[in-house]
Amino acid sequence: IDIKNPASNHHNPGFSDEERGKMT
C-alpha cells in the first residue's frame, strides 16, 4: 500500500524483501 507499483518494484532498493523485513 506504501508504493504505487509494487509488482514492478519488487526486489528494487527500498522495496526488497530484506529491507521490508527489517522494517517489520
PDB file of all heavy atoms in Angstrom:
ATOM      1  N   ILE A   1       0.825  -1.212   0.000  1.00  0.00           N
ATOM      2  CA  ILE A   1       0.000   0.000   0.000  1.00  0.00           C
ATOM      3  C   ILE A   1       0.858   1.261   0.000  1.00  0.00           C
ATOM      4  O   ILE A   1       0.385   2.348  -0.365  1.00  0.00           O
ATOM      5  CB  ILE A   1      -0.960  -0.010   1.217  1.00  0.00           C
ATOM      6  CG1 ILE A   1      -2.072   1.026   1.048  1.00  0.00           C
ATOM      7  CG2 ILE A   1      -0.201   0.196   2.515  1.00  0.00           C
ATOM      8  CD1 ILE A   1      -3.119   0.985   2.147  1.00  0.00           C
ATOM      9  N   ASP A   2       2.134   1.131   0.370  1.00  0.00           N
ATOM     10  CA  ASP A   2       3.022   2.275   0.504  1.00  0.00           C
ATOM     11  C   ASP A   2       3.796   2.596  -0.772  1.00  0.00           C
ATOM     12  O   ASP A   2       4.713   3.434  -0.746  1.00  0.00           O
ATOM     13  CB  ASP A   2       4.011   2.043   1.651  1.00  0.00           C
ATOM     14  CG  ASP A   2       3.324   1.892   2.989  1.00  0.00           C
ATOM     15  OD1 ASP A   2       2.435   2.703   3.277  1.00  0.00           O
ATOM     16  OD2 ASP A   2       3.668   0.962   3.742  1.00  0.00           O
ATOM     17  N   ILE A   3       3.450   1.973  -1.881  1.00  0.00           N
ATOM     18  CA  ILE A   3       4.164   2.196  -3.132  1.00  0.00           C
ATOM     19  C   ILE A   3       3.188   2.059  -4.289  1.00  0.00           C
ATOM     20  O   ILE A   3       2.269   1.227  -4.252  1.00  0.00           O
ATOM     21  CB  ILE A   3       5.349   1.203  -3.260  1.00  0.00           C
ATOM     22  CG1 ILE A   3       6.214   1.507  -4.478  1.00  0.00           C
ATOM     23  CG2 ILE A   3       4.898  -0.234  -3.238  1.00  0.00           C
ATOM     24  CD1 ILE A   3       7.512   0.696  -4.497  1.00  0.00           C
ATOM     25  N   LYS A   4       3.368   2.888  -5.300  1.00  0.00           N
ATOM     26  CA  LYS A   4       2.408   2.911  -6.402  1.00  0.00           C
ATOM     27  C   LYS A   4       2.438   1.618  -7.221  1.00  0.00           C
ATOM     28  O   LYS A   4       1.394   1.083  -7.592  1.00  0.00           O
ATOM     29  CB  LYS A   4       2.694   4.110  -7.311  1.00  0.00           C
ATOM     30  CG  LYS A   4       1.710   4.281  -8.453  1.00  0.00           C
ATOM     31  CD  LYS A   4       0.332   4.671  -7.939  1.00  0.00           C
ATOM     32  CE  LYS A   4      -0.603   5.039  -9.065  1.00  0.00           C
ATOM     33  NZ  LYS A   4      -1.935   5.473  -8.565  1.00  0.00           N
ATOM     34  N   ASN A   5       3.643   1.147  -7.514  1.00  0.00           N
ATOM     35  CA  ASN A   5       3.782  -0.021  -8.398  1.00  0.00           C
ATOM     36  C   ASN A   5       4.570  -1.126  -7.705  1.00  0.00           C
ATOM     37  O   ASN A   5       5.750  -1.343  -8.003  1.00  0.00           O
ATOM     38  CB  ASN A   5       4.471   0.394  -9.707  1.00  0.00           C
ATOM     39  CG  ASN A   5       3.677   1.423 -10.480  1.00  0.00           C
ATOM     40  OD1 ASN A   5       2.522   1.195 -10.810  1.00  0.00           O
ATOM     41  ND2 ASN A   5       4.294   2.563 -10.756  1.00  0.00           N
ATOM     42  N   PRO A   6       3.936  -1.835  -6.772  1.00  0.00           N
ATOM     43  CA  PRO A   6       4.681  -2.836  -6.000  1.00  0.00           C
ATOM     44  C   PRO A   6       5.238  -3.975  -6.846  1.00  0.00           C
ATOM     45  O   PRO A   6       6.371  -4.425  -6.613  1.00  0.00           O
ATOM     46  CB  PRO A   6       3.650  -3.342  -4.983  1.00  0.00           C
ATOM     47  CG  PRO A   6       2.323  -2.963  -5.534  1.00  0.00           C
ATOM     48  CD  PRO A   6       2.543  -1.717  -6.322  1.00  0.00           C
ATOM     49  N   ALA A   7       4.490  -4.446  -7.813  1.00  0.00           N
ATOM     50  CA  ALA A   7       4.941  -5.615  -8.588  1.00  0.00           C
ATOM     51  C   ALA A   7       6.212  -5.305  -9.363  1.00  0.00           C
ATOM     52  O   ALA A   7       7.187  -6.083  -9.327  1.00  0.00           O
ATOM     53  CB  ALA A   7       3.834  -6.075  -9.527  1.00  0.00           C
ATOM     54  N   SER A   8       6.241  -4.171 -10.045  1.00  0.00           N
ATOM     55  CA  SER A   8       7.404  -3.852 -10.876  1.00  0.00           C
ATOM     56  C   SER A   8       8.604  -3.392 -10.053  1.00  0.00           C
ATOM     57  O   SER A   8       9.733  -3.365 -10.558  1.00  0.00           O
ATOM     58  CB  SER A   8       7.042  -2.776 -11.906  1.00  0.00           C
ATOM     59  OG  SER A   8       6.626  -1.586 -11.270  1.00  0.00           O
ATOM     60  N   ASN A   9       8.384  -3.033  -8.794  1.00  0.00           N
ATOM     61  CA  ASN A   9       9.493  -2.582  -7.938  1.00  0.00           C
ATOM     62  C   ASN A   9       9.983  -3.647  -6.966  1.00  0.00           C
ATOM     63  O   ASN A   9      10.933  -3.396  -6.212  1.00  0.00           O
ATOM     64  CB  ASN A   9       9.071  -1.334  -7.154  1.00  0.00           C
ATOM     65  CG  ASN A   9       9.141  -0.081  -7.994  1.00  0.00           C
ATOM     66  OD1 ASN A   9      10.216   0.363  -8.383  1.00  0.00           O
ATOM     67  ND2 ASN A   9       7.982   0.484  -8.306  1.00  0.00           N
ATOM     68  N   HIS A  10       9.354  -4.810  -6.975  1.00  0.00           N
ATOM     69  CA  HIS A  10       9.784  -5.886  -6.077  1.00  0.00           C
ATOM     70  C   HIS A  10      11.249  -6.203  -6.331  1.00  0.00           C
ATOM     71  O   HIS A  10      11.669  -6.373  -7.468  1.00  0.00           O
ATOM     72  CB  HIS A  10       8.913  -7.122  -6.306  1.00  0.00           C
ATOM     73  CG  HIS A  10       9.092  -8.169  -5.271  1.00  0.00           C
ATOM     74  ND1 HIS A  10       8.870  -9.508  -5.501  1.00  0.00           N
ATOM     75  CD2 HIS A  10       9.480  -8.097  -3.967  1.00  0.00           C
ATOM     76  CE1 HIS A  10       9.100 -10.207  -4.419  1.00  0.00           C
ATOM     77  NE2 HIS A  10       9.475  -9.372  -3.464  1.00  0.00           N
ATOM     78  N   HIS A  11      12.035  -6.255  -5.269  1.00  0.00           N
ATOM     79  CA  HIS A  11      13.482  -6.514  -5.292  1.00  0.00           C
ATOM     80  C   HIS A  11      14.301  -5.274  -5.642  1.00  0.00           C
ATOM     81  O   HIS A  11      15.527  -5.344  -5.655  1.00  0.00           O
ATOM     82  CB  HIS A  11      13.852  -7.661  -6.238  1.00  0.00           C
ATOM     83  CG  HIS A  11      13.185  -8.965  -5.899  1.00  0.00           C
ATOM     84  ND1 HIS A  11      13.256  -9.538  -4.642  1.00  0.00           N
ATOM     85  CD2 HIS A  11      12.422  -9.797  -6.652  1.00  0.00           C
ATOM     86  CE1 HIS A  11      12.566 -10.666  -4.640  1.00  0.00           C
ATOM     87  NE2 HIS A  11      12.047 -10.846  -5.841  1.00  0.00           N
ATOM     88  N   ASN A  12      13.651  -4.147  -5.946  1.00  0.00           N
ATOM     89  CA  ASN A  12      14.407  -2.911  -6.143  1.00  0.00           C
ATOM     90  C   ASN A  12      14.803  -2.323  -4.790  1.00  0.00           C
ATOM     91  O   ASN A  12      14.157  -2.598  -3.775  1.00  0.00           O
ATOM     92  CB  ASN A  12      13.575  -1.894  -6.923  1.00  0.00           C
ATOM     93  CG  ASN A  12      13.520  -2.194  -8.409  1.00  0.00           C
ATOM     94  OD1 ASN A  12      14.322  -2.970  -8.928  1.00  0.00           O
ATOM     95  ND2 ASN A  12      12.582  -1.574  -9.105  1.00  0.00           N
ATOM     96  N   PRO A  13      15.878  -1.508  -4.757  1.00  0.00           N
ATOM     97  CA  PRO A  13      16.269  -0.881  -3.482  1.00  0.00           C
ATOM     98  C   PRO A  13      15.127  -0.059  -2.906  1.00  0.00           C
ATOM     99  O   PRO A  13      14.504   0.730  -3.611  1.00  0.00           O
ATOM    100  CB  PRO A  13      17.461  -0.001  -3.869  1.00  0.00           C
ATOM    101  CG  PRO A  13      17.415   0.122  -5.355  1.00  0.00           C
ATOM    102  CD  PRO A  13      16.766  -1.113  -5.861  1.00  0.00           C
ATOM    103  N   GLY A  14      14.851  -0.289  -1.636  1.00  0.00           N
ATOM    104  CA  GLY A  14      13.741   0.368  -0.973  1.00  0.00           C
ATOM    105  C   GLY A  14      12.472  -0.458  -0.937  1.00  0.00           C
ATOM    106  O   GLY A  14      11.537  -0.134  -0.209  1.00  0.00           O
ATOM    107  N   PHE A  15      12.437  -1.541  -1.721  1.00  0.00           N
ATOM    108  CA  PHE A  15      11.269  -2.419  -1.694  1.00  0.00           C
ATOM    109  C   PHE A  15      11.683  -3.885  -1.838  1.00  0.00           C
ATOM    110  O   PHE A  15      10.963  -4.710  -2.385  1.00  0.00           O
ATOM    111  CB  PHE A  15      10.271  -2.023  -2.785  1.00  0.00           C
ATOM    112  CG  PHE A  15       8.869  -2.544  -2.550  1.00  0.00           C
ATOM    113  CD1 PHE A  15       8.162  -2.166  -1.416  1.00  0.00           C
ATOM    114  CD2 PHE A  15       8.275  -3.418  -3.446  1.00  0.00           C
ATOM    115  CE1 PHE A  15       6.875  -2.654  -1.183  1.00  0.00           C
ATOM    116  CE2 PHE A  15       6.981  -3.905  -3.231  1.00  0.00           C
ATOM    117  CZ  PHE A  15       6.288  -3.524  -2.095  1.00  0.00           C
ATOM    118  N   SER A  16      12.874  -4.183  -1.353  1.00  0.00           N
ATOM    119  CA  SER A  16      13.322  -5.576  -1.328  1.00  0.00           C
ATOM    120  C   SER A  16      12.703  -6.290  -0.126  1.00  0.00           C
ATOM    121  O   SER A  16      12.317  -5.657   0.862  1.00  0.00           O
ATOM    122  CB  SER A  16      14.840  -5.656  -1.236  1.00  0.00           C
ATOM    123  OG  SER A  16      15.290  -5.177   0.030  1.00  0.00           O
ATOM    124  N   ASP A  17      12.606  -7.602  -0.216  1.00  0.00           N
ATOM    125  CA  ASP A  17      12.070  -8.378   0.900  1.00  0.00           C
ATOM    126  C   ASP A  17      12.905  -8.157   2.159  1.00  0.00           C
ATOM    127  O   ASP A  17      12.370  -8.102   3.272  1.00  0.00           O
ATOM    128  CB  ASP A  17      12.044  -9.865   0.548  1.00  0.00           C
ATOM    129  CG  ASP A  17      11.064 -10.191  -0.567  1.00  0.00           C
ATOM    130  OD1 ASP A  17      10.139  -9.391  -0.793  1.00  0.00           O
ATOM    131  OD2 ASP A  17      11.227 -11.250  -1.211  1.00  0.00           O
ATOM    132  N   GLU A  18      14.225  -8.056   1.974  1.00  0.00           N
ATOM    133  CA  GLU A  18      15.115  -7.905   3.117  1.00  0.00           C
ATOM    134  C   GLU A  18      14.867  -6.584   3.850  1.00  0.00           C
ATOM    135  O   GLU A  18      14.772  -6.556   5.087  1.00  0.00           O
ATOM    136  CB  GLU A  18      16.580  -7.984   2.662  1.00  0.00           C
ATOM    137  CG  GLU A  18      17.002  -9.341   2.124  1.00  0.00           C
ATOM    138  CD  GLU A  18      16.745  -9.500   0.620  1.00  0.00           C
ATOM    139  OE1 GLU A  18      15.983  -8.679   0.041  1.00  0.00           O
ATOM    140  OE2 GLU A  18      17.301 -10.441   0.034  1.00  0.00           O
ATOM    141  N   GLU A  19      14.768  -5.502   3.104  1.00  0.00           N
ATOM    142  CA  GLU A  19      14.557  -4.186   3.727  1.00  0.00           C
ATOM    143  C   GLU A  19      13.189  -4.110   4.391  1.00  0.00           C
ATOM    144  O   GLU A  19      13.060  -3.597   5.514  1.00  0.00           O
ATOM    145  CB  GLU A  19      14.695  -3.096   2.670  1.00  0.00           C
ATOM    146  CG  GLU A  19      16.101  -2.933   2.144  1.00  0.00           C
ATOM    147  CD  GLU A  19      16.134  -2.169   0.831  1.00  0.00           C
ATOM    148  OE1 GLU A  19      15.411  -2.534  -0.118  1.00  0.00           O
ATOM    149  OE2 GLU A  19      16.889  -1.181   0.766  1.00  0.00           O
ATOM    150  N   ARG A  20      12.191  -4.612   3.721  1.00  0.00           N
ATOM    151  CA  ARG A  20      10.840  -4.589   4.291  1.00  0.00           C
ATOM    152  C   ARG A  20      10.777  -5.452   5.549  1.00  0.00           C
ATOM    153  O   ARG A  20      10.111  -5.101   6.523  1.00  0.00           O
ATOM    154  CB  ARG A  20       9.841  -5.062   3.248  1.00  0.00           C
ATOM    155  CG  ARG A  20       9.730  -4.113   2.053  1.00  0.00           C
ATOM    156  CD  ARG A  20       8.960  -4.736   0.914  1.00  0.00           C
ATOM    157  NE  ARG A  20       7.567  -4.964   1.283  1.00  0.00           N
ATOM    158  CZ  ARG A  20       6.746  -5.766   0.609  1.00  0.00           C
ATOM    159  NH1 ARG A  20       7.180  -6.450  -0.444  1.00  0.00           N
ATOM    160  NH2 ARG A  20       5.491  -5.910   1.011  1.00  0.00           N
ATOM    161  N   GLY A  21      11.509  -6.555   5.527  1.00  0.00           N
ATOM    162  CA  GLY A  21      11.559  -7.414   6.706  1.00  0.00           C
ATOM    163  C   GLY A  21      12.189  -6.721   7.901  1.00  0.00           C
ATOM    164  O   GLY A  21      11.736  -6.887   9.041  1.00  0.00           O
ATOM    165  N   LYS A  22      13.230  -5.936   7.651  1.00  0.00           N
ATOM    166  CA  LYS A  22      13.874  -5.202   8.741  1.00  0.00           C
ATOM    167  C   LYS A  22      12.949  -4.127   9.315  1.00  0.00           C
ATOM    168  O   LYS A  22      12.967  -3.850  10.516  1.00  0.00           O
ATOM    169  CB  LYS A  22      15.188  -4.577   8.275  1.00  0.00           C
ATOM    170  CG  LYS A  22      16.293  -5.594   8.009  1.00  0.00           C
ATOM    171  CD  LYS A  22      16.628  -6.403   9.259  1.00  0.00           C
ATOM    172  CE  LYS A  22      17.735  -7.408   9.002  1.00  0.00           C
ATOM    173  NZ  LYS A  22      17.961  -8.305  10.163  1.00  0.00           N
ATOM    174  N   MET A  23      12.143  -3.519   8.459  1.00  0.00           N
ATOM    175  CA  MET A  23      11.161  -2.550   8.952  1.00  0.00           C
ATOM    176  C   MET A  23      10.138  -3.253   9.839  1.00  0.00           C
ATOM    177  O   MET A  23       9.750  -2.723  10.900  1.00  0.00           O
ATOM    178  CB  MET A  23      10.462  -1.862   7.774  1.00  0.00           C
ATOM    179  CG  MET A  23       9.453  -0.811   8.191  1.00  0.00           C
ATOM    180  SD  MET A  23      10.170   0.560   9.127  1.00  0.00           S
ATOM    181  CE  MET A  23       8.956   1.830   8.805  1.00  0.00           C
ATOM    182  N   THR A  24       9.717  -4.431   9.442  1.00  0.00           N
ATOM    183  CA  THR A  24       8.799  -5.214  10.271  1.00  0.00           C
ATOM    184  C   THR A  24       9.431  -5.521  11.621  1.00  0.00           C
ATOM    185  O   THR A  24       8.774  -5.392  12.671  1.00  0.00           O
ATOM    186  CB  THR A  24       8.418  -6.522   9.555  1.00  0.00           C
ATOM    187  OG1 THR A  24       7.734  -6.198   8.330  1.00  0.00           O
ATOM    188  CG2 THR A  24       7.513  -7.382  10.418  1.00  0.00           C
TER     189      THR A  24
END
